[in-house]
Structures are given as C-alpha cells and as structure tokens.
Amino acid sequence: MQIRLDDLTGPEIKRLLQDHLNDMYAASPPESVHALDLTQLQQPSISL
C-alpha cells in the first residue's frame, strides 16, 4: 500500500469515486448519502 497526496485527476480515481457515488445513491435515500463528489474533494481545504 502506498499512501500519498493525490490531485485526483487520474481516470482510475475518477472512476472509483463515481462508482462509489453511484452505489451510494442506488442503495440509500438521497438525504442519507454523505459522500463528496470529485469537485468537492478537489477543494484546497481537503487532503486525500
């Protein structure tokens, strides 16, 4: 496992995050989805 800061621009990361959000919305009511999308995760105040 490698832990490092990432700018989240790679296609693998975009696909992983989109798949996660799709699963969240498919399995949970919208008001219970507590996940950030790619744009929100790319804010300067967030490290991932």
Protein backbone atom coordinates (compact mmCIF):
# COMPACT_ATOMS: atom_id res chain seq x y z
CA MET A 1 0.00 0.00 0.00
CA GLN A 2 1.28 3.44 -0.87
CA ILE A 3 -0.12 6.49 0.91
CA ARG A 4 0.40 9.84 -0.80
CA LEU A 5 -1.40 13.06 -1.62
CA ASP A 6 -3.17 12.94 -4.96
CA ASP A 7 -4.60 15.65 -7.21
CA LEU A 8 -7.49 13.34 -8.17
CA THR A 9 -7.05 13.90 -11.90
CA GLY A 10 -6.32 10.29 -12.86
CA PRO A 11 -9.04 8.29 -14.64
CA GLU A 12 -8.82 5.48 -12.07
CA ILE A 13 -9.65 7.86 -9.22
CA LYS A 14 -12.49 9.49 -11.15
CA ARG A 15 -14.00 6.08 -11.92
CA LEU A 16 -13.60 4.87 -8.32
CA LEU A 17 -15.29 7.96 -6.89
CA GLN A 18 -18.10 7.87 -9.46
CA ASP A 19 -18.73 4.17 -8.83
CA HIS A 20 -18.85 4.88 -5.09
CA LEU A 21 -21.37 7.71 -5.52
CA ASN A 22 -23.48 5.60 -7.89
CA ASP A 23 -23.60 2.80 -5.32
CA MET A 24 -24.44 5.22 -2.53
CA TYR A 25 -27.37 6.73 -4.45
CA ALA A 26 -28.59 3.28 -5.56
CA ALA A 27 -28.61 1.87 -2.02
CA SER A 28 -29.53 4.89 0.12
CA PRO A 29 -32.12 7.65 0.18
CA PRO A 30 -30.61 10.91 -1.14
CA GLU A 31 -30.67 12.53 2.30
CA SER A 32 -28.56 9.67 3.65
CA VAL A 33 -25.76 9.93 1.08
CA HIS A 34 -22.89 11.56 2.94
CA ALA A 35 -20.17 11.48 0.28
CA LEU A 36 -18.32 14.23 -1.56
CA ASP A 37 -18.09 14.25 -5.33
CA LEU A 38 -14.84 14.86 -7.23
CA THR A 39 -15.28 18.64 -7.40
CA GLN A 40 -15.85 18.86 -3.66
CA LEU A 41 -12.86 16.61 -2.92
CA GLN A 42 -10.58 18.84 -5.02
CA GLN A 43 -11.09 21.88 -2.80
CA PRO A 44 -7.83 23.26 -1.34
CA SER A 45 -9.05 22.67 2.20
CA ILE A 46 -9.30 18.88 1.63
CA SER A 47 -6.41 16.42 1.58
CA LEU A 48 -6.93 12.99 0.12
